[in-house]
Amino acid sequence: MLCGLLLVFVSQPAASSAGSMNEEIDYLISSVGKGGCTFVRNGNRLTGKGARAHLKSKRRRNAHLIDSTEEFIEKIASQSATSGKPYLIRCKGESQQVAGEWFTALLAQRREP
């Protein structure tokens, strides 16, 4: 019985971590195209809706590659798998940013207490 309780206890944080990761990734994806920012993929500007659809599809196809929000940023949301070119974010009144850096900063803001 003790082993059974231990197994339940140990598995609980993993489930909540997965939930937190999915919530964070959903937040990052939903932020694309908002606040006057444009997502640039292989030199083409995508609408917020188009960029979100692309990231959701790429996430779904490559879910086996990610175990953390940071891995999502690194492996899915930072560059084109086809060309290897980095994704870019262009926000009005700001310098263009590499998408990986933009997502990392956004994640850090979300995690602030």
C-alpha atoms as a PDB file:
ATOM      1  CA  MET A   1       0.000   0.000   0.000  1.00  0.00           C
ATOM      2  CA  LEU A   2       2.849   2.369   0.798  1.00  0.00           C
ATOM      3  CA  CYS A   3       4.282   1.809  -2.685  1.00  0.00           C
ATOM      4  CA  GLY A   4       0.878   2.584  -4.199  1.00  0.00           C
ATOM      5  CA  LEU A   5       0.597   5.852  -2.260  1.00  0.00           C
ATOM      6  CA  LEU A   6       4.128   6.794  -3.187  1.00  0.00           C
ATOM      7  CA  LEU A   7       3.392   6.127  -6.850  1.00  0.00           C
ATOM      8  CA  VAL A   8       0.296   8.348  -6.731  1.00  0.00           C
ATOM      9  CA  PHE A   9       2.204  11.096  -4.929  1.00  0.00           C
ATOM     10  CA  VAL A  10       5.124  11.009  -7.356  1.00  0.00           C
ATOM     11  CA  SER A  11       2.901  11.026 -10.442  1.00  0.00           C
ATOM     12  CA  GLN A  12       0.870  14.058  -9.347  1.00  0.00           C
ATOM     13  CA  PRO A  13       3.531  16.718  -9.946  1.00  0.00           C
ATOM     14  CA  ALA A  14       4.243  15.339 -13.408  1.00  0.00           C
ATOM     15  CA  ALA A  15       0.590  15.696 -14.374  1.00  0.00           C
ATOM     16  CA  SER A  16       0.410  19.249 -13.102  1.00  0.00           C
ATOM     17  CA  SER A  17       3.699  20.077 -14.841  1.00  0.00           C
ATOM     18  CA  ALA A  18       2.285  18.821 -18.125  1.00  0.00           C
ATOM     19  CA  GLY A  19      -0.830  20.908 -17.524  1.00  0.00           C
ATOM     20  CA  SER A  20       1.265  23.976 -16.759  1.00  0.00           C
ATOM     21  CA  MET A  21       3.411  23.398 -19.829  1.00  0.00           C
ATOM     22  CA  ASN A  22       0.349  23.136 -22.071  1.00  0.00           C
ATOM     23  CA  GLU A  23      -1.168  26.273 -20.521  1.00  0.00           C
ATOM     24  CA  GLU A  24       2.085  28.177 -21.039  1.00  0.00           C
ATOM     25  CA  ILE A  25       2.418  27.033 -24.647  1.00  0.00           C
ATOM     26  CA  ASP A  26      -1.234  27.895 -25.341  1.00  0.00           C
ATOM     27  CA  TYR A  27      -0.568  31.351 -23.864  1.00  0.00           C
ATOM     28  CA  LEU A  28       2.516  31.884 -26.028  1.00  0.00           C
ATOM     29  CA  ILE A  29       0.711  30.811 -29.196  1.00  0.00           C
ATOM     30  CA  SER A  30      -2.335  32.943 -28.390  1.00  0.00           C
ATOM     31  CA  SER A  31      -0.073  35.997 -27.967  1.00  0.00           C
ATOM     32  CA  VAL A  32       1.228  35.841 -31.548  1.00  0.00           C
ATOM     33  CA  GLY A  33      -0.190  38.588 -33.731  1.00  0.00           C
ATOM     34  CA  LYS A  34      -1.530  40.669 -30.851  1.00  0.00           C
ATOM     35  CA  GLY A  35      -0.425  44.114 -29.729  1.00  0.00           C
ATOM     36  CA  GLY A  36       0.624  45.294 -33.154  1.00  0.00           C
ATOM     37  CA  CYS A  37       3.138  42.484 -33.663  1.00  0.00           C
ATOM     38  CA  THR A  38       3.635  40.518 -36.875  1.00  0.00           C
ATOM     39  CA  PHE A  39       5.087  37.012 -37.191  1.00  0.00           C
ATOM     40  CA  VAL A  40       7.569  36.530 -40.032  1.00  0.00           C
ATOM     41  CA  ARG A  41       8.236  33.055 -41.402  1.00  0.00           C
ATOM     42  CA  ASN A  42      10.753  32.555 -44.226  1.00  0.00           C
ATOM     43  CA  GLY A  43      10.469  36.236 -45.163  1.00  0.00           C
ATOM     44  CA  ASN A  44       6.648  36.174 -45.293  1.00  0.00           C
ATOM     45  CA  ARG A  45       4.540  38.133 -42.844  1.00  0.00           C
ATOM     46  CA  LEU A  46       1.718  36.064 -41.411  1.00  0.00           C
ATOM     47  CA  THR A  47      -1.475  37.357 -39.899  1.00  0.00           C
ATOM     48  CA  GLY A  48      -1.951  36.529 -36.219  1.00  0.00           C
ATOM     49  CA  LYS A  49      -4.495  33.891 -37.156  1.00  0.00           C
ATOM     50  CA  GLY A  50      -2.204  32.353 -39.770  1.00  0.00           C
ATOM     51  CA  ALA A  51       0.821  32.360 -37.450  1.00  0.00           C
ATOM     52  CA  ARG A  52      -1.165  30.786 -34.606  1.00  0.00           C
ATOM     53  CA  ALA A  53      -2.500  28.090 -36.951  1.00  0.00           C
ATOM     54  CA  HIS A  54       1.032  27.350 -38.180  1.00  0.00           C
ATOM     55  CA  LEU A  55       2.461  27.060 -34.644  1.00  0.00           C
ATOM     56  CA  LYS A  56      -0.444  24.893 -33.470  1.00  0.00           C
ATOM     57  CA  SER A  57      -0.005  22.551 -36.428  1.00  0.00           C
ATOM     58  CA  LYS A  58       3.753  22.370 -35.983  1.00  0.00           C
ATOM     59  CA  ARG A  59       3.284  21.709 -32.255  1.00  0.00           C
ATOM     60  CA  ARG A  60       0.804  18.911 -32.942  1.00  0.00           C
ATOM     61  CA  ARG A  61       3.091  17.233 -35.486  1.00  0.00           C
ATOM     62  CA  ASN A  62       6.133  17.482 -33.217  1.00  0.00           C
ATOM     63  CA  ALA A  63       4.625  16.940 -29.762  1.00  0.00           C
ATOM     64  CA  HIS A  64       6.996  14.023 -29.212  1.00  0.00           C
ATOM     65  CA  LEU A  65       9.963  16.435 -29.294  1.00  0.00           C
ATOM     66  CA  ILE A  66       8.900  18.649 -26.395  1.00  0.00           C
ATOM     67  CA  ASP A  67       8.849  18.019 -22.666  1.00  0.00           C
ATOM     68  CA  SER A  68       8.881  21.642 -21.522  1.00  0.00           C
ATOM     69  CA  THR A  69       7.775  25.080 -22.596  1.00  0.00           C
ATOM     70  CA  GLU A  70      11.413  25.970 -23.190  1.00  0.00           C
ATOM     71  CA  GLU A  71      11.753  23.038 -25.602  1.00  0.00           C
ATOM     72  CA  PHE A  72       8.622  24.226 -27.417  1.00  0.00           C
ATOM     73  CA  ILE A  73      10.274  27.609 -27.891  1.00  0.00           C
ATOM     74  CA  GLU A  74      13.586  26.095 -28.966  1.00  0.00           C
ATOM     75  CA  LYS A  75      12.359  23.276 -31.198  1.00  0.00           C
ATOM     76  CA  ILE A  76       9.021  24.519 -32.535  1.00  0.00           C
ATOM     77  CA  ALA A  77       8.596  28.288 -32.261  1.00  0.00           C
ATOM     78  CA  SER A  78      12.066  29.629 -33.065  1.00  0.00           C
ATOM     79  CA  GLN A  79      12.817  28.637 -36.643  1.00  0.00           C
ATOM     80  CA  SER A  80      11.571  27.039 -39.801  1.00  0.00           C
ATOM     81  CA  ALA A  81      12.196  23.314 -39.986  1.00  0.00           C
ATOM     82  CA  THR A  82      12.169  23.615 -43.776  1.00  0.00           C
ATOM     83  CA  SER A  83      14.627  26.461 -44.350  1.00  0.00           C
ATOM     84  CA  GLY A  84      16.352  26.673 -40.967  1.00  0.00           C
ATOM     85  CA  LYS A  85      15.727  30.436 -40.956  1.00  0.00           C
ATOM     86  CA  PRO A  86      14.727  31.944 -37.618  1.00  0.00           C
ATOM     87  CA  TYR A  87      11.187  33.180 -37.196  1.00  0.00           C
ATOM     88  CA  LEU A  88      10.989  36.901 -36.504  1.00  0.00           C
ATOM     89  CA  ILE A  89       8.608  39.150 -34.598  1.00  0.00           C
ATOM     90  CA  ARG A  90       8.028  42.715 -35.758  1.00  0.00           C
ATOM     91  CA  CYS A  91       6.175  44.934 -33.299  1.00  0.00           C
ATOM     92  CA  LYS A  92       5.169  48.523 -34.061  1.00  0.00           C
ATOM     93  CA  GLY A  93       7.615  51.018 -32.601  1.00  0.00           C
ATOM     94  CA  GLU A  94      10.156  48.335 -31.614  1.00  0.00           C
ATOM     95  CA  SER A  95      13.171  46.681 -33.194  1.00  0.00           C
ATOM     96  CA  GLN A  96      12.609  43.380 -34.967  1.00  0.00           C
ATOM     97  CA  GLN A  97      13.283  40.403 -32.679  1.00  0.00           C
ATOM     98  CA  VAL A  98      14.148  36.768 -33.196  1.00  0.00           C
ATOM     99  CA  ALA A  99      10.992  34.850 -32.238  1.00  0.00           C
ATOM    100  CA  GLY A 100      12.809  32.582 -29.775  1.00  0.00           C
ATOM    101  CA  GLU A 101      13.938  35.596 -27.749  1.00  0.00           C
ATOM    102  CA  TRP A 102      10.478  37.170 -27.930  1.00  0.00           C
ATOM    103  CA  PHE A 103       8.783  33.975 -26.704  1.00  0.00           C
ATOM    104  CA  THR A 104      11.386  33.530 -23.942  1.00  0.00           C
ATOM    105  CA  ALA A 105      10.783  37.088 -22.674  1.00  0.00           C
ATOM    106  CA  LEU A 106       7.016  36.583 -22.836  1.00  0.00           C
ATOM    107  CA  LEU A 107       7.323  33.339 -20.852  1.00  0.00           C
ATOM    108  CA  ALA A 108       9.470  35.048 -18.216  1.00  0.00           C
ATOM    109  CA  GLN A 109       6.845  37.800 -17.841  1.00  0.00           C
ATOM    110  CA  ARG A 110       4.082  35.223 -17.444  1.00  0.00           C
ATOM    111  CA  ARG A 111       6.034  33.342 -14.775  1.00  0.00           C
ATOM    112  CA  GLU A 112       6.757  36.447 -12.696  1.00  0.00           C
ATOM    113  CA  PRO A 113       4.926  36.303  -9.353  1.00  0.00           C
END
